[in-house]
Amino acid sequence: MQKKIHIKKGDSVIVITGESKGQKGRILEVDRDKNRAIVEGVNLVSKHTKPNTKAPQGGILKKEAPVHLSNLMLIDPTTGKPTRVGKKLNDNNKLVRYSKKSGEEIK
């Protein structure tokens, strides 16, 4: 059984605590097993690489590291502010996510 999570790939989120607090970005990947997500431009770490076909020079590359889901909060598409996420049935009896702050459905 898969864990229920409040964000998914493509969502805009803000980091609410930790070293990257206040940074905004788009979700690139979600790891449901480890409860972590990779956010574009957030939690950058330096990775030392040998020369290879991808990086002919080698050297130090900046790469996003995973952030725990509890440290992320979805950004409300209408207001642009952080919001909690709820789930409800819409008119077509389909379960959808909605913003607790504005009440709008999240696409």
N, C-alpha and C. Protein backbone atom coordinates (compact mmCIF):
# COMPACT_ATOMS: atom_id res chain seq x y z
N MET A 1 0.83 -1.19 0.00
CA MET A 1 0.00 0.00 0.00
C MET A 1 0.87 1.25 0.00
N GLN A 2 0.54 2.21 -0.87
CA GLN A 2 1.33 3.43 -0.96
C GLN A 2 0.92 4.42 0.11
N LYS A 3 1.90 5.22 0.57
CA LYS A 3 1.63 6.23 1.58
C LYS A 3 0.91 7.41 0.95
N LYS A 4 0.04 8.05 1.73
CA LYS A 4 -0.67 9.23 1.24
C LYS A 4 0.19 10.46 1.51
N ILE A 5 0.44 11.22 0.46
CA ILE A 5 1.27 12.41 0.61
C ILE A 5 0.53 13.63 0.08
N HIS A 6 0.95 14.81 0.54
CA HIS A 6 0.23 16.04 0.21
C HIS A 6 0.78 16.75 -1.02
N ILE A 7 1.92 16.30 -1.55
CA ILE A 7 2.48 16.95 -2.74
C ILE A 7 2.78 15.89 -3.79
N LYS A 8 2.94 16.36 -5.03
CA LYS A 8 3.33 15.45 -6.10
C LYS A 8 4.20 16.20 -7.09
N LYS A 9 4.77 15.46 -8.03
CA LYS A 9 5.69 16.00 -9.02
C LYS A 9 5.06 17.17 -9.77
N GLY A 10 5.80 18.27 -9.91
CA GLY A 10 5.30 19.43 -10.64
C GLY A 10 4.72 20.51 -9.76
N ASP A 11 4.43 20.22 -8.48
CA ASP A 11 3.88 21.21 -7.56
C ASP A 11 4.93 22.26 -7.20
N SER A 12 4.46 23.49 -6.96
CA SER A 12 5.33 24.53 -6.43
C SER A 12 5.26 24.50 -4.91
N VAL A 13 6.43 24.44 -4.28
CA VAL A 13 6.47 24.33 -2.82
C VAL A 13 7.44 25.34 -2.23
N ILE A 14 7.32 25.53 -0.91
CA ILE A 14 8.25 26.36 -0.16
C ILE A 14 8.79 25.51 0.99
N VAL A 15 10.06 25.71 1.31
CA VAL A 15 10.68 24.99 2.41
C VAL A 15 10.37 25.78 3.69
N ILE A 16 9.75 25.12 4.67
CA ILE A 16 9.30 25.83 5.87
C ILE A 16 10.27 25.75 7.04
N THR A 17 11.24 24.84 6.98
CA THR A 17 12.22 24.75 8.05
C THR A 17 13.49 24.10 7.53
N GLY A 18 14.56 24.26 8.28
CA GLY A 18 15.84 23.66 7.90
C GLY A 18 16.77 24.68 7.27
N GLU A 19 17.86 24.19 6.72
CA GLU A 19 18.91 25.04 6.17
C GLU A 19 18.42 25.86 4.97
N SER A 20 17.50 25.31 4.19
CA SER A 20 16.99 25.98 2.99
C SER A 20 15.68 26.72 3.24
N LYS A 21 15.39 27.07 4.49
CA LYS A 21 14.12 27.70 4.86
C LYS A 21 13.83 28.93 4.01
N GLY A 22 12.59 29.02 3.50
CA GLY A 22 12.16 30.17 2.72
C GLY A 22 12.36 30.03 1.23
N GLN A 23 13.11 29.02 0.80
CA GLN A 23 13.35 28.85 -0.63
C GLN A 23 12.14 28.20 -1.30
N LYS A 24 11.86 28.66 -2.53
CA LYS A 24 10.75 28.11 -3.30
C LYS A 24 11.28 27.34 -4.49
N GLY A 25 10.51 26.36 -4.94
CA GLY A 25 10.92 25.59 -6.10
C GLY A 25 9.84 24.64 -6.54
N ARG A 26 10.11 23.95 -7.63
CA ARG A 26 9.17 22.99 -8.21
C ARG A 26 9.66 21.58 -7.90
N ILE A 27 8.72 20.69 -7.56
CA ILE A 27 9.07 19.31 -7.24
C ILE A 27 9.52 18.58 -8.51
N LEU A 28 10.71 18.00 -8.48
CA LEU A 28 11.23 17.25 -9.62
C LEU A 28 10.97 15.76 -9.47
N GLU A 29 11.00 15.27 -8.22
CA GLU A 29 10.87 13.84 -7.98
C GLU A 29 10.42 13.62 -6.54
N VAL A 30 9.58 12.60 -6.32
CA VAL A 30 9.11 12.26 -4.97
C VAL A 30 9.45 10.80 -4.69
N ASP A 31 10.08 10.56 -3.54
CA ASP A 31 10.39 9.20 -3.10
C ASP A 31 9.44 8.85 -1.96
N ARG A 32 8.40 8.09 -2.27
CA ARG A 32 7.36 7.76 -1.29
C ARG A 32 7.87 6.85 -0.19
N ASP A 33 8.83 5.99 -0.50
CA ASP A 33 9.35 5.06 0.50
C ASP A 33 10.13 5.77 1.60
N LYS A 34 10.91 6.79 1.21
CA LYS A 34 11.74 7.51 2.17
C LYS A 34 11.11 8.82 2.65
N ASN A 35 9.89 9.15 2.16
CA ASN A 35 9.20 10.40 2.51
C ASN A 35 10.05 11.63 2.17
N ARG A 36 10.66 11.62 1.01
CA ARG A 36 11.52 12.73 0.60
C ARG A 36 11.20 13.17 -0.82
N ALA A 37 11.55 14.41 -1.13
CA ALA A 37 11.33 14.95 -2.47
C ALA A 37 12.54 15.78 -2.89
N ILE A 38 12.80 15.81 -4.18
CA ILE A 38 13.86 16.65 -4.72
C ILE A 38 13.19 17.90 -5.30
N VAL A 39 13.63 19.06 -4.80
CA VAL A 39 13.04 20.33 -5.20
C VAL A 39 14.08 21.11 -6.01
N GLU A 40 13.63 21.66 -7.14
CA GLU A 40 14.50 22.38 -8.06
C GLU A 40 15.16 23.58 -7.37
N GLY A 41 16.49 23.60 -7.34
CA GLY A 41 17.25 24.73 -6.80
C GLY A 41 17.30 24.81 -5.28
N VAL A 42 16.84 23.77 -4.59
CA VAL A 42 16.80 23.78 -3.12
C VAL A 42 17.70 22.68 -2.58
N ASN A 43 18.38 22.94 -1.45
CA ASN A 43 19.24 21.97 -0.77
C ASN A 43 20.35 21.48 -1.71
N LEU A 44 21.10 22.43 -2.28
CA LEU A 44 22.17 22.08 -3.20
C LEU A 44 23.38 21.56 -2.44
N VAL A 45 23.96 20.47 -2.96
CA VAL A 45 25.17 19.90 -2.38
C VAL A 45 26.23 19.82 -3.46
N SER A 46 27.51 19.82 -3.05
CA SER A 46 28.61 19.71 -3.99
C SER A 46 28.97 18.26 -4.18
N LYS A 47 29.04 17.84 -5.45
CA LYS A 47 29.39 16.46 -5.76
C LYS A 47 30.68 16.48 -6.57
N HIS A 48 31.71 15.80 -6.07
CA HIS A 48 32.99 15.73 -6.76
C HIS A 48 32.95 14.58 -7.76
N THR A 49 33.28 14.89 -9.02
CA THR A 49 33.21 13.86 -10.05
C THR A 49 34.52 13.76 -10.83
N LYS A 50 34.82 12.54 -11.24
CA LYS A 50 35.95 12.32 -12.13
C LYS A 50 35.51 12.68 -13.54
N PRO A 51 36.45 12.96 -14.43
CA PRO A 51 36.07 13.22 -15.82
C PRO A 51 35.37 12.01 -16.44
N ASN A 52 34.24 12.26 -17.11
CA ASN A 52 33.51 11.20 -17.81
C ASN A 52 32.82 11.82 -19.02
N THR A 53 31.97 11.06 -19.71
CA THR A 53 31.35 11.58 -20.92
C THR A 53 30.38 12.73 -20.63
N LYS A 54 29.66 12.67 -19.49
CA LYS A 54 28.74 13.77 -19.14
C LYS A 54 29.49 15.03 -18.77
N ALA A 55 30.55 14.88 -17.97
CA ALA A 55 31.35 16.02 -17.53
C ALA A 55 32.81 15.76 -17.91
N PRO A 56 33.22 16.16 -19.14
CA PRO A 56 34.57 15.86 -19.61
C PRO A 56 35.66 16.46 -18.72
N GLN A 57 35.38 17.60 -18.08
CA GLN A 57 36.36 18.24 -17.21
C GLN A 57 36.38 17.60 -15.83
N GLY A 58 35.24 17.02 -15.42
CA GLY A 58 35.14 16.52 -14.05
C GLY A 58 34.96 17.70 -13.11
N GLY A 59 35.43 17.59 -11.88
CA GLY A 59 35.38 18.71 -10.96
C GLY A 59 34.20 18.64 -10.00
N ILE A 60 33.79 19.81 -9.51
CA ILE A 60 32.73 19.89 -8.50
C ILE A 60 31.43 20.33 -9.17
N LEU A 61 30.39 19.51 -9.02
CA LEU A 61 29.07 19.83 -9.58
C LEU A 61 28.09 20.12 -8.45
N LYS A 62 27.21 21.07 -8.66
CA LYS A 62 26.13 21.35 -7.70
C LYS A 62 24.93 20.51 -8.07
N LYS A 63 24.33 19.84 -7.07
CA LYS A 63 23.22 18.93 -7.32
C LYS A 63 22.21 19.05 -6.19
N GLU A 64 20.91 18.91 -6.52
CA GLU A 64 19.87 18.96 -5.50
C GLU A 64 19.86 17.68 -4.69
N ALA A 65 19.75 17.81 -3.37
CA ALA A 65 19.62 16.66 -2.49
C ALA A 65 18.17 16.59 -2.01
N PRO A 66 17.69 15.40 -1.62
CA PRO A 66 16.30 15.26 -1.19
C PRO A 66 16.00 16.03 0.10
N VAL A 67 14.76 16.52 0.20
CA VAL A 67 14.27 17.22 1.39
C VAL A 67 13.10 16.41 1.94
N HIS A 68 12.99 16.32 3.27
CA HIS A 68 11.89 15.56 3.86
C HIS A 68 10.56 16.25 3.57
N LEU A 69 9.51 15.46 3.32
CA LEU A 69 8.20 16.01 2.96
C LEU A 69 7.61 16.89 4.05
N SER A 70 7.94 16.61 5.31
CA SER A 70 7.40 17.41 6.41
C SER A 70 7.96 18.83 6.42
N ASN A 71 9.06 19.05 5.71
CA ASN A 71 9.66 20.38 5.64
C ASN A 71 9.17 21.19 4.45
N LEU A 72 8.24 20.63 3.67
CA LEU A 72 7.73 21.30 2.48
C LEU A 72 6.26 21.65 2.65
N MET A 73 5.86 22.79 2.08
CA MET A 73 4.47 23.20 2.11
C MET A 73 4.09 23.69 0.72
N LEU A 74 2.93 23.25 0.26
CA LEU A 74 2.46 23.61 -1.07
C LEU A 74 2.15 25.10 -1.15
N ILE A 75 2.44 25.71 -2.29
CA ILE A 75 2.10 27.12 -2.51
C ILE A 75 0.74 27.18 -3.20
N ASP A 76 -0.19 27.95 -2.61
CA ASP A 76 -1.54 28.11 -3.15
C ASP A 76 -1.46 28.78 -4.52
N PRO A 77 -2.02 28.14 -5.57
CA PRO A 77 -1.92 28.72 -6.92
C PRO A 77 -2.62 30.07 -7.07
N THR A 78 -3.65 30.35 -6.26
CA THR A 78 -4.37 31.62 -6.42
C THR A 78 -3.73 32.75 -5.61
N THR A 79 -3.35 32.49 -4.36
CA THR A 79 -2.81 33.55 -3.50
C THR A 79 -1.30 33.62 -3.53
N GLY A 80 -0.63 32.51 -3.87
CA GLY A 80 0.83 32.49 -3.89
C GLY A 80 1.44 32.33 -2.52
N LYS A 81 0.62 31.97 -1.52
CA LYS A 81 1.12 31.79 -0.16
C LYS A 81 1.08 30.31 0.22
N PRO A 82 1.87 29.90 1.21
CA PRO A 82 1.86 28.49 1.64
C PRO A 82 0.50 28.09 2.20
N THR A 83 0.08 26.86 1.93
CA THR A 83 -1.21 26.39 2.39
C THR A 83 -1.15 24.91 2.73
N ARG A 84 -2.05 24.49 3.61
CA ARG A 84 -2.21 23.07 3.86
C ARG A 84 -3.09 22.49 2.76
N VAL A 85 -3.05 21.17 2.62
CA VAL A 85 -3.78 20.51 1.54
C VAL A 85 -4.82 19.57 2.13
N GLY A 86 -6.04 19.63 1.58
CA GLY A 86 -7.10 18.71 1.96
C GLY A 86 -7.53 17.91 0.75
N LYS A 87 -8.30 16.86 1.00
CA LYS A 87 -8.83 16.06 -0.11
C LYS A 87 -10.34 15.96 0.04
N LYS A 88 -11.05 16.12 -1.08
CA LYS A 88 -12.51 16.02 -1.06
C LYS A 88 -13.00 15.50 -2.40
N LEU A 89 -14.25 15.09 -2.43
CA LEU A 89 -14.87 14.63 -3.67
C LEU A 89 -15.39 15.83 -4.44
N ASN A 90 -15.13 15.85 -5.75
CA ASN A 90 -15.68 16.95 -6.56
C ASN A 90 -17.03 16.53 -7.15
N ASP A 91 -17.55 17.32 -8.09
CA ASP A 91 -18.86 17.06 -8.68
C ASP A 91 -18.95 15.71 -9.38
N ASN A 92 -17.82 15.25 -9.93
CA ASN A 92 -17.81 13.99 -10.67
C ASN A 92 -17.47 12.79 -9.78
N ASN A 93 -17.61 12.95 -8.46
CA ASN A 93 -17.27 11.91 -7.48
C ASN A 93 -15.82 11.44 -7.63
N LYS A 94 -14.92 12.38 -7.90
CA LYS A 94 -13.51 12.09 -8.03
C LYS A 94 -12.78 12.79 -6.88
N LEU A 95 -11.84 12.09 -6.23
CA LEU A 95 -11.09 12.66 -5.11
C LEU A 95 -10.06 13.65 -5.64
N VAL A 96 -10.14 14.90 -5.17
CA VAL A 96 -9.22 15.94 -5.62
C VAL A 96 -8.59 16.62 -4.42
N ARG A 97 -7.40 17.22 -4.66
CA ARG A 97 -6.75 18.01 -3.61
C ARG A 97 -7.27 19.44 -3.67
N TYR A 98 -7.40 20.07 -2.51
CA TYR A 98 -7.80 21.47 -2.50
C TYR A 98 -7.00 22.24 -1.46
N SER A 99 -6.92 23.55 -1.66
CA SER A 99 -6.18 24.42 -0.77
C SER A 99 -7.05 24.76 0.44
N LYS A 100 -6.54 24.55 1.64
CA LYS A 100 -7.30 24.87 2.85
C LYS A 100 -7.42 26.38 3.02
N LYS A 101 -6.48 27.13 2.46
CA LYS A 101 -6.47 28.59 2.63
C LYS A 101 -7.54 29.27 1.76
N SER A 102 -7.59 28.89 0.47
CA SER A 102 -8.54 29.55 -0.44
C SER A 102 -9.74 28.68 -0.78
N GLY A 103 -9.65 27.37 -0.54
CA GLY A 103 -10.73 26.46 -0.88
C GLY A 103 -10.74 26.05 -2.34
N GLU A 104 -9.77 26.55 -3.12
CA GLU A 104 -9.69 26.24 -4.55
C GLU A 104 -9.12 24.84 -4.78
N GLU A 105 -9.58 24.21 -5.87
CA GLU A 105 -9.07 22.90 -6.26
C GLU A 105 -7.65 23.06 -6.80
N ILE A 106 -6.78 22.11 -6.49
CA ILE A 106 -5.40 22.13 -6.99
C ILE A 106 -5.29 21.18 -8.15
N LYS A 107 -4.85 21.70 -9.28
CA LYS A 107 -4.75 20.89 -10.49
C LYS A 107 -3.46 20.11 -10.49
